[in-house]
PDB file of all heavy atoms in Angstrom:
ATOM      1  N   GLY A   1       7.092   9.098  11.312  1.00  0.00           N
ATOM      2  CA  GLY A   1       7.549   7.873  10.731  1.00  0.00           C
ATOM      3  C   GLY A   1       6.644   6.698  11.061  1.00  0.00           C
ATOM      4  O   GLY A   1       6.990   5.461  10.919  1.00  0.00           O
ATOM      5  N   LEU A   2       5.327   7.041  11.304  1.00  0.00           N
ATOM      6  CA  LEU A   2       4.436   5.894  11.603  1.00  0.00           C
ATOM      7  C   LEU A   2       3.427   5.708  10.587  1.00  0.00           C
ATOM      8  O   LEU A   2       2.831   4.667  10.345  1.00  0.00           O
ATOM      9  CB  LEU A   2       3.523   6.373  12.904  1.00  0.00           C
ATOM     10  CG  LEU A   2       4.225   6.352  14.228  1.00  0.00           C
ATOM     11  CD1 LEU A   2       3.280   6.783  15.319  1.00  0.00           C
ATOM     12  CD2 LEU A   2       4.797   4.961  14.476  1.00  0.00           C
ATOM     13  N   GLY A   3       3.234   6.702   9.611  1.00  0.00           N
ATOM     14  CA  GLY A   3       2.197   6.616   8.612  1.00  0.00           C
ATOM     15  C   GLY A   3       2.359   5.324   7.734  1.00  0.00           C
ATOM     16  O   GLY A   3       1.446   4.564   7.592  1.00  0.00           O
ATOM     17  N   LEU A   4       3.540   5.181   7.128  1.00  0.00           N
ATOM     18  CA  LEU A   4       3.658   4.036   6.245  1.00  0.00           C
ATOM     19  C   LEU A   4       3.735   2.753   6.931  1.00  0.00           C
ATOM     20  O   LEU A   4       3.297   1.660   6.313  1.00  0.00           O
ATOM     21  CB  LEU A   4       5.024   4.243   5.434  1.00  0.00           C
ATOM     22  CG  LEU A   4       4.924   5.368   4.419  1.00  0.00           C
ATOM     23  CD1 LEU A   4       6.310   5.568   3.708  1.00  0.00           C
ATOM     24  CD2 LEU A   4       3.766   5.098   3.250  1.00  0.00           C
ATOM     25  N   ALA A   5       4.130   2.631   8.118  1.00  0.00           N
ATOM     26  CA  ALA A   5       4.035   1.372   8.908  1.00  0.00           C
ATOM     27  C   ALA A   5       2.688   1.000   9.172  1.00  0.00           C
ATOM     28  O   ALA A   5       2.251  -0.169   9.096  1.00  0.00           O
ATOM     29  CB  ALA A   5       4.808   1.644  10.205  1.00  0.00           C
ATOM     30  N   ILE A   6       1.853   2.035   9.486  1.00  0.00           N
ATOM     31  CA  ILE A   6       0.349   1.827   9.607  1.00  0.00           C
ATOM     32  C   ILE A   6      -0.212   1.327   8.350  1.00  0.00           C
ATOM     33  O   ILE A   6      -1.021   0.378   8.310  1.00  0.00           O
ATOM     34  CB  ILE A   6      -0.306   3.062  10.164  1.00  0.00           C
ATOM     35  CG1 ILE A   6       0.088   3.296  11.582  1.00  0.00           C
ATOM     36  CG2 ILE A   6      -1.810   2.963   9.978  1.00  0.00           C
ATOM     37  CD1 ILE A   6      -0.327   4.624  12.168  1.00  0.00           C
ATOM     38  N   VAL A   7       0.112   1.914   7.316  1.00  0.00           N
ATOM     39  CA  VAL A   7      -0.382   1.614   5.849  1.00  0.00           C
ATOM     40  C   VAL A   7      -0.051   0.163   5.602  1.00  0.00           C
ATOM     41  O   VAL A   7      -0.976  -0.593   5.153  1.00  0.00           O
ATOM     42  CB  VAL A   7       0.214   2.576   4.816  1.00  0.00           C
ATOM     43  CG1 VAL A   7      -0.072   2.026   3.427  1.00  0.00           C
ATOM     44  CG2 VAL A   7      -0.335   3.889   4.868  1.00  0.00           C
ATOM     45  N   LYS A   8       1.165  -0.214   5.929  1.00  0.00           N
ATOM     46  CA  LYS A   8       1.624  -1.638   5.553  1.00  0.00           C
ATOM     47  C   LYS A   8       0.762  -2.619   6.372  1.00  0.00           C
ATOM     48  O   LYS A   8       0.320  -3.664   5.791  1.00  0.00           O
ATOM     49  CB  LYS A   8       3.109  -1.786   5.960  1.00  0.00           C
ATOM     50  CG  LYS A   8       3.654  -3.142   5.703  1.00  0.00           C
ATOM     51  CD  LYS A   8       3.985  -3.356   4.244  1.00  0.00           C
ATOM     52  CE  LYS A   8       4.795  -4.687   4.014  1.00  0.00           C
ATOM     53  NZ  LYS A   8       5.000  -4.887   2.541  1.00  0.00           N
ATOM     54  N   LYS A   9       0.519  -2.310   7.649  1.00  0.00           N
ATOM     55  CA  LYS A   9      -0.201  -3.180   8.520  1.00  0.00           C
ATOM     56  C   LYS A   9      -1.727  -3.281   8.076  1.00  0.00           C
ATOM     57  O   LYS A   9      -2.329  -4.368   7.998  1.00  0.00           O
ATOM     58  CB  LYS A   9      -0.168  -2.790   9.920  1.00  0.00           C
ATOM     59  CG  LYS A   9       1.116  -2.796  10.602  1.00  0.00           C
ATOM     60  CD  LYS A   9       1.669  -4.232  10.822  1.00  0.00           C
ATOM     61  CE  LYS A   9       3.028  -4.232  11.590  1.00  0.00           C
ATOM     62  NZ  LYS A   9       3.496  -5.637  11.725  1.00  0.00           N
ATOM     63  N   CYS A  10      -2.163  -2.192   7.601  1.00  0.00           N
ATOM     64  CA  CYS A  10      -3.681  -2.215   7.169  1.00  0.00           C
ATOM     65  C   CYS A  10      -3.802  -2.930   5.815  1.00  0.00           C
ATOM     66  O   CYS A  10      -4.835  -3.613   5.639  1.00  0.00           O
ATOM     67  CB  CYS A  10      -4.132  -0.773   7.002  1.00  0.00           C
ATOM     68  SG  CYS A  10      -4.252   0.106   8.639  1.00  0.00           S
ATOM     69  N   VAL A  11      -2.804  -2.730   4.986  1.00  0.00           N
ATOM     70  CA  VAL A  11      -2.833  -3.377   3.671  1.00  0.00           C
ATOM     71  C   VAL A  11      -2.759  -4.945   3.977  1.00  0.00           C
ATOM     72  O   VAL A  11      -3.466  -5.796   3.339  1.00  0.00           O
ATOM     73  CB  VAL A  11      -1.701  -2.942   2.859  1.00  0.00           C
ATOM     74  CG1 VAL A  11      -1.505  -3.801   1.610  1.00  0.00           C
ATOM     75  CG2 VAL A  11      -1.853  -1.506   2.325  1.00  0.00           C
ATOM     76  N   ALA A  12      -1.942  -5.377   4.854  1.00  0.00           N
ATOM     77  CA  ALA A  12      -1.884  -6.804   5.114  1.00  0.00           C
ATOM     78  C   ALA A  12      -3.122  -7.322   5.757  1.00  0.00           C
ATOM     79  O   ALA A  12      -3.521  -8.497   5.366  1.00  0.00           O
ATOM     80  CB  ALA A  12      -0.650  -6.972   6.219  1.00  0.00           C
ATOM     81  N   ALA A  13      -3.693  -6.504   6.608  1.00  0.00           N
ATOM     82  CA  ALA A  13      -5.063  -6.967   7.177  1.00  0.00           C
ATOM     83  C   ALA A  13      -6.095  -7.055   6.161  1.00  0.00           C
ATOM     84  O   ALA A  13      -7.068  -7.834   6.274  1.00  0.00           O
ATOM     85  CB  ALA A  13      -5.497  -5.899   8.192  1.00  0.00           C
ATOM     86  N   HIS A  14      -5.952  -6.273   5.044  1.00  0.00           N
ATOM     87  CA  HIS A  14      -7.028  -6.499   3.939  1.00  0.00           C
ATOM     88  C   HIS A  14      -6.533  -7.476   2.953  1.00  0.00           C
ATOM     89  O   HIS A  14      -6.989  -7.602   1.754  1.00  0.00           O
ATOM     90  CB  HIS A  14      -7.151  -5.102   3.250  1.00  0.00           C
ATOM     91  CG  HIS A  14      -8.560  -4.557   3.320  1.00  0.00           C
ATOM     92  ND1 HIS A  14      -9.633  -5.224   2.826  1.00  0.00           N
ATOM     93  CD2 HIS A  14      -8.973  -3.491   3.981  1.00  0.00           C
ATOM     94  CE1 HIS A  14     -10.615  -4.569   3.069  1.00  0.00           C
ATOM     95  NE2 HIS A  14     -10.400  -3.598   3.766  1.00  0.00           N
ATOM     96  N   SER A  15      -5.447  -8.342   3.291  1.00  0.00           N
ATOM     97  CA  SER A  15      -4.912  -9.453   2.366  1.00  0.00           C
ATOM     98  C   SER A  15      -4.335  -8.774   1.060  1.00  0.00           C
ATOM     99  O   SER A  15      -4.552  -9.423  -0.042  1.00  0.00           O
ATOM    100  CB  SER A  15      -5.838 -10.476   2.185  1.00  0.00           C
ATOM    101  OG  SER A  15      -6.033 -11.187   3.301  1.00  0.00           O
ATOM    102  N   GLY A  16      -3.816  -7.482   1.102  1.00  0.00           N
ATOM    103  CA  GLY A  16      -3.351  -6.948  -0.035  1.00  0.00           C
ATOM    104  C   GLY A  16      -1.765  -6.788  -0.103  1.00  0.00           C
ATOM    105  O   GLY A  16      -1.131  -7.421   0.787  1.00  0.00           O
ATOM    106  N   GLU A  17      -1.424  -6.027  -1.039  1.00  0.00           N
ATOM    107  CA  GLU A  17       0.137  -5.774  -1.091  1.00  0.00           C
ATOM    108  C   GLU A  17       0.357  -4.326  -1.473  1.00  0.00           C
ATOM    109  O   GLU A  17      -0.492  -3.651  -2.245  1.00  0.00           O
ATOM    110  CB  GLU A  17       0.789  -6.664  -2.052  1.00  0.00           C
ATOM    111  CG  GLU A  17       0.284  -6.666  -3.516  1.00  0.00           C
ATOM    112  CD  GLU A  17       1.101  -7.555  -4.453  1.00  0.00           C
ATOM    113  OE1 GLU A  17       1.672  -8.452  -3.958  1.00  0.00           O
ATOM    114  OE2 GLU A  17       1.111  -7.386  -5.633  1.00  0.00           O
ATOM    115  N   ILE A  18       1.509  -3.743  -1.125  1.00  0.00           N
ATOM    116  CA  ILE A  18       1.859  -2.449  -1.487  1.00  0.00           C
ATOM    117  C   ILE A  18       3.215  -2.414  -2.025  1.00  0.00           C
ATOM    118  O   ILE A  18       4.132  -3.146  -1.623  1.00  0.00           O
ATOM    119  CB  ILE A  18       1.808  -1.463  -0.244  1.00  0.00           C
ATOM    120  CG1 ILE A  18       2.125  -0.020  -0.550  1.00  0.00           C
ATOM    121  CG2 ILE A  18       2.617  -1.922   0.914  1.00  0.00           C
ATOM    122  CD1 ILE A  18       1.836   0.893   0.499  1.00  0.00           C
ATOM    123  N   THR A  19       3.418  -1.575  -3.083  1.00  0.00           N
ATOM    124  CA  THR A  19       4.796  -1.507  -3.703  1.00  0.00           C
ATOM    125  C   THR A  19       4.972   0.054  -4.018  1.00  0.00           C
ATOM    126  O   THR A  19       4.136   0.880  -3.847  1.00  0.00           O
ATOM    127  CB  THR A  19       4.841  -2.184  -5.114  1.00  0.00           C
ATOM    128  OG1 THR A  19       3.815  -1.706  -5.905  1.00  0.00           O
ATOM    129  CG2 THR A  19       4.571  -3.660  -4.943  1.00  0.00           C
ATOM    130  N   LEU A  20       6.305   0.424  -4.210  1.00  0.00           N
ATOM    131  CA  LEU A  20       6.591   1.756  -4.545  1.00  0.00           C
ATOM    132  C   LEU A  20       7.666   1.756  -5.604  1.00  0.00           C
ATOM    133  O   LEU A  20       8.527   0.935  -5.698  1.00  0.00           O
ATOM    134  CB  LEU A  20       7.049   2.405  -3.242  1.00  0.00           C
ATOM    135  CG  LEU A  20       8.374   2.106  -2.610  1.00  0.00           C
ATOM    136  CD1 LEU A  20       9.479   3.100  -3.116  1.00  0.00           C
ATOM    137  CD2 LEU A  20       8.356   2.029  -1.158  1.00  0.00           C
ATOM    138  N   GLU A  21       7.550   2.914  -6.336  1.00  0.00           N
ATOM    139  CA  GLU A  21       8.705   3.267  -7.253  1.00  0.00           C
ATOM    140  C   GLU A  21       8.973   4.735  -6.891  1.00  0.00           C
ATOM    141  O   GLU A  21       8.107   5.585  -6.786  1.00  0.00           O
ATOM    142  CB  GLU A  21       8.146   3.152  -8.749  1.00  0.00           C
ATOM    143  CG  GLU A  21       7.998   1.648  -9.032  1.00  0.00           C
ATOM    144  CD  GLU A  21       7.472   1.554 -10.498  1.00  0.00           C
ATOM    145  OE1 GLU A  21       7.399   2.613 -11.189  1.00  0.00           O
ATOM    146  OE2 GLU A  21       7.092   0.494 -10.949  1.00  0.00           O
ATOM    147  N   SER A  22      10.333   4.978  -6.795  1.00  0.00           N
ATOM    148  CA  SER A  22      10.700   6.429  -6.454  1.00  0.00           C
ATOM    149  C   SER A  22      12.038   6.759  -6.926  1.00  0.00           C
ATOM    150  O   SER A  22      12.982   5.847  -6.984  1.00  0.00           O
ATOM    151  CB  SER A  22      10.637   6.497  -4.926  1.00  0.00           C
ATOM    152  OG  SER A  22      10.865   7.877  -4.598  1.00  0.00           O
ATOM    153  N   THR A  23      12.258   8.036  -7.349  1.00  0.00           N
ATOM    154  CA  THR A  23      13.478   8.603  -7.732  1.00  0.00           C
ATOM    155  C   THR A  23      13.661   9.906  -7.134  1.00  0.00           C
ATOM    156  O   THR A  23      12.778  10.780  -7.099  1.00  0.00           O
ATOM    157  CB  THR A  23      13.520   8.747  -9.317  1.00  0.00           C
ATOM    158  OG1 THR A  23      13.215   7.452  -9.961  1.00  0.00           O
ATOM    159  CG2 THR A  23      14.855   9.251  -9.713  1.00  0.00           C
ATOM    160  N   VAL A  24      14.743  10.009  -6.517  1.00  0.00           N
ATOM    161  CA  VAL A  24      15.051  11.232  -5.688  1.00  0.00           C
ATOM    162  C   VAL A  24      14.953  12.492  -6.664  1.00  0.00           C
ATOM    163  O   VAL A  24      15.514  12.517  -7.772  1.00  0.00           O
ATOM    164  CB  VAL A  24      16.385  11.208  -5.030  1.00  0.00           C
ATOM    165  CG1 VAL A  24      16.779  12.619  -4.412  1.00  0.00           C
ATOM    166  CG2 VAL A  24      16.484  10.188  -3.925  1.00  0.00           C
ATOM    167  N   GLY A  25      14.152  13.521  -6.274  1.00  0.00           N
ATOM    168  CA  GLY A  25      14.059  14.708  -7.055  1.00  0.00           C
ATOM    169  C   GLY A  25      13.024  14.658  -8.142  1.00  0.00           C
ATOM    170  O   GLY A  25      12.654  15.693  -8.706  1.00  0.00           O
ATOM    171  N   MET A  26      12.504  13.450  -8.405  1.00  0.00           N
ATOM    172  CA  MET A  26      11.404  13.336  -9.472  1.00  0.00           C
ATOM    173  C   MET A  26      10.093  12.896  -9.007  1.00  0.00           C
ATOM    174  O   MET A  26       9.067  13.130  -9.602  1.00  0.00           O
ATOM    175  CB  MET A  26      11.880  12.274 -10.496  1.00  0.00           C
ATOM    176  CG  MET A  26      13.231  12.780 -11.124  1.00  0.00           C
ATOM    177  SD  MET A  26      13.729  11.603 -12.484  1.00  0.00           S
ATOM    178  CE  MET A  26      12.450  11.774 -13.674  1.00  0.00           C
ATOM    179  N   GLY A  27      10.090  12.228  -7.893  1.00  0.00           N
ATOM    180  CA  GLY A  27       8.752  11.839  -7.203  1.00  0.00           C
ATOM    181  C   GLY A  27       8.638  10.472  -6.975  1.00  0.00           C
ATOM    182  O   GLY A  27       9.596   9.621  -7.083  1.00  0.00           O
ATOM    183  N   THR A  28       7.468   9.930  -6.444  1.00  0.00           N
ATOM    184  CA  THR A  28       7.257   8.664  -5.887  1.00  0.00           C
ATOM    185  C   THR A  28       5.829   8.159  -6.356  1.00  0.00           C
ATOM    186  O   THR A  28       4.899   9.036  -6.373  1.00  0.00           O
ATOM    187  CB  THR A  28       7.239   8.721  -4.371  1.00  0.00           C
ATOM    188  OG1 THR A  28       8.535   9.087  -3.944  1.00  0.00           O
ATOM    189  CG2 THR A  28       7.042   7.231  -3.808  1.00  0.00           C
ATOM    190  N   THR A  29       5.652   6.960  -6.626  1.00  0.00           N
ATOM    191  CA  THR A  29       4.433   6.203  -6.896  1.00  0.00           C
ATOM    192  C   THR A  29       4.212   5.120  -5.949  1.00  0.00           C
ATOM    193  O   THR A  29       5.040   4.166  -5.938  1.00  0.00           O
ATOM    194  CB  THR A  29       4.339   5.780  -8.333  1.00  0.00           C
ATOM    195  OG1 THR A  29       4.544   6.972  -9.180  1.00  0.00           O
ATOM    196  CG2 THR A  29       3.012   5.088  -8.640  1.00  0.00           C
ATOM    197  N   PHE A  30       3.131   5.182  -5.189  1.00  0.00           N
ATOM    198  CA  PHE A  30       2.757   4.042  -4.325  1.00  0.00           C
ATOM    199  C   PHE A  30       1.614   3.341  -4.989  1.00  0.00           C
ATOM    200  O   PHE A  30       0.656   3.952  -5.379  1.00  0.00           O
ATOM    201  CB  PHE A  30       2.339   4.424  -2.816  1.00  0.00           C
ATOM    202  CG  PHE A  30       3.511   4.792  -2.004  1.00  0.00           C
ATOM    203  CD1 PHE A  30       4.018   6.037  -1.782  1.00  0.00           C
ATOM    204  CD2 PHE A  30       4.110   3.753  -1.261  1.00  0.00           C
ATOM    205  CE1 PHE A  30       5.094   6.290  -0.944  1.00  0.00           C
ATOM    206  CE2 PHE A  30       5.150   3.995  -0.372  1.00  0.00           C
ATOM    207  CZ  PHE A  30       5.687   5.195  -0.232  1.00  0.00           C
ATOM    208  N   THR A  31       1.584   1.892  -5.030  1.00  0.00           N
ATOM    209  CA  THR A  31       0.606   1.197  -5.592  1.00  0.00           C
ATOM    210  C   THR A  31       0.083   0.169  -4.481  1.00  0.00           C
ATOM    211  O   THR A  31       0.861  -0.606  -4.034  1.00  0.00           O
ATOM    212  CB  THR A  31       0.969   0.520  -6.843  1.00  0.00           C
ATOM    213  OG1 THR A  31       1.559   1.442  -7.798  1.00  0.00           O
ATOM    214  CG2 THR A  31      -0.189  -0.289  -7.501  1.00  0.00           C
ATOM    215  N   VAL A  32      -1.267   0.179  -4.164  1.00  0.00           N
ATOM    216  CA  VAL A  32      -1.789  -0.616  -3.224  1.00  0.00           C
ATOM    217  C   VAL A  32      -2.820  -1.587  -3.948  1.00  0.00           C
ATOM    218  O   VAL A  32      -3.636  -1.013  -4.760  1.00  0.00           O
ATOM    219  CB  VAL A  32      -2.553   0.059  -2.130  1.00  0.00           C
ATOM    220  CG1 VAL A  32      -3.329  -0.983  -1.297  1.00  0.00           C
ATOM    221  CG2 VAL A  32      -1.541   0.905  -1.324  1.00  0.00           C
ATOM    222  N   THR A  33      -2.630  -2.845  -3.891  1.00  0.00           N
ATOM    223  CA  THR A  33      -3.573  -3.757  -4.610  1.00  0.00           C
ATOM    224  C   THR A  33      -4.262  -4.577  -3.491  1.00  0.00           C
ATOM    225  O   THR A  33      -3.745  -5.279  -2.697  1.00  0.00           O
ATOM    226  CB  THR A  33      -2.741  -4.755  -5.433  1.00  0.00           C
ATOM    227  OG1 THR A  33      -2.047  -3.969  -6.444  1.00  0.00           O
ATOM    228  CG2 THR A  33      -3.720  -5.710  -6.146  1.00  0.00           C
ATOM    229  N   LEU A  34      -5.641  -4.397  -3.524  1.00  0.00           N
ATOM    230  CA  LEU A  34      -6.403  -5.155  -2.566  1.00  0.00           C
ATOM    231  C   LEU A  34      -7.398  -6.065  -3.191  1.00  0.00           C
ATOM    232  O   LEU A  34      -7.889  -5.688  -4.283  1.00  0.00           O
ATOM    233  CB  LEU A  34      -7.239  -4.145  -1.696  1.00  0.00           C
ATOM    234  CG  LEU A  34      -6.448  -3.014  -0.932  1.00  0.00           C
ATOM    235  CD1 LEU A  34      -7.383  -2.174  -0.127  1.00  0.00           C
ATOM    236  CD2 LEU A  34      -5.469  -3.799   0.082  1.00  0.00           C
ATOM    237  N   PRO A  35      -7.749  -7.252  -2.617  1.00  0.00           N
ATOM    238  CA  PRO A  35      -8.762  -8.164  -3.172  1.00  0.00           C
ATOM    239  C   PRO A  35     -10.097  -7.501  -3.259  1.00  0.00           C
ATOM    240  O   PRO A  35     -10.494  -6.842  -2.403  1.00  0.00           O
ATOM    241  CB  PRO A  35      -8.753  -9.294  -2.383  1.00  0.00           C
ATOM    242  CG  PRO A  35      -8.247  -8.891  -0.968  1.00  0.00           C
ATOM    243  CD  PRO A  35      -7.233  -7.732  -1.279  1.00  0.00           C
ATOM    244  N   LEU A  36     -10.846  -7.698  -4.381  1.00  0.00           N
ATOM    245  CA  LEU A  36     -12.239  -7.119  -4.579  1.00  0.00           C
ATOM    246  C   LEU A  36     -13.187  -8.173  -4.120  1.00  0.00           C
ATOM    247  O   LEU A  36     -13.349  -9.257  -4.780  1.00  0.00           O
ATOM    248  CB  LEU A  36     -12.474  -6.863  -6.021  1.00  0.00           C
ATOM    249  CG  LEU A  36     -13.770  -6.109  -6.380  1.00  0.00           C
ATOM    250  CD1 LEU A  36     -13.884  -4.752  -5.628  1.00  0.00           C
ATOM    251  CD2 LEU A  36     -13.876  -5.957  -7.903  1.00  0.00           C
ATOM    252  N   ILE A  37     -13.748  -8.009  -2.922  1.00  0.00           N
ATOM    253  CA  ILE A  37     -14.650  -8.967  -2.323  1.00  0.00           C
ATOM    254  C   ILE A  37     -16.073  -8.447  -2.481  1.00  0.00           C
ATOM    255  O   ILE A  37     -16.459  -7.271  -2.138  1.00  0.00           O
ATOM    256  CB  ILE A  37     -14.320  -9.049  -0.760  1.00  0.00           C
ATOM    257  CG1 ILE A  37     -12.871  -9.394  -0.530  1.00  0.00           C
ATOM    258  CG2 ILE A  37     -15.271 -10.125  -0.178  1.00  0.00           C
ATOM    259  CD1 ILE A  37     -12.482 -10.755  -1.259  1.00  0.00           C
ATOM    260  N   LYS A  38     -16.959  -9.368  -3.049  1.00  0.00           N
ATOM    261  CA  LYS A  38     -18.362  -8.937  -3.323  1.00  0.00           C
ATOM    262  C   LYS A  38     -19.226  -9.683  -2.196  1.00  0.00           C
ATOM    263  O   LYS A  38     -19.678 -10.803  -2.452  1.00  0.00           O
ATOM    264  CB  LYS A  38     -18.806  -9.384  -4.687  1.00  0.00           C
ATOM    265  CG  LYS A  38     -17.985  -8.782  -5.870  1.00  0.00           C
ATOM    266  CD  LYS A  38     -18.396  -7.193  -5.932  1.00  0.00           C
ATOM    267  CE  LYS A  38     -17.742  -6.559  -7.105  1.00  0.00           C
ATOM    268  NZ  LYS A  38     -18.344  -6.988  -8.404  1.00  0.00           N
ATOM    269  N   GLY A  39     -19.400  -9.110  -1.089  1.00  0.00           N
ATOM    270  CA  GLY A  39     -20.218  -9.633  -0.055  1.00  0.00           C
ATOM    271  C   GLY A  39     -19.520 -10.508   0.855  1.00  0.00           C
ATOM    272  O   GLY A  39     -18.535 -11.206   0.389  1.00  0.00           O
ATOM    273  N   ILE A  40     -19.876 -10.489   2.186  1.00  0.00           N
ATOM    274  CA  ILE A  40     -19.103 -11.349   3.207  1.00  0.00           C
ATOM    275  C   ILE A  40     -19.181 -12.786   2.793  1.00  0.00           C
ATOM    276  O   ILE A  40     -18.205 -13.475   3.073  1.00  0.00           O
ATOM    277  CB  ILE A  40     -19.825 -11.096   4.496  1.00  0.00           C
ATOM    278  CG1 ILE A  40     -19.828  -9.641   4.846  1.00  0.00           C
ATOM    279  CG2 ILE A  40     -19.049 -11.904   5.611  1.00  0.00           C
ATOM    280  CD1 ILE A  40     -18.482  -8.934   5.112  1.00  0.00           C
TER     281      ILE A  40
END
């Protein structure tokens, strides 16, 4: 039960967001959106 909690924290550290769509018995889609940074 730690994996998704870690994912959420790491996404936040990258200034991104995570969403999900899921239906029991049919499957799940996770979408992570992160900013595209070109150089520090």
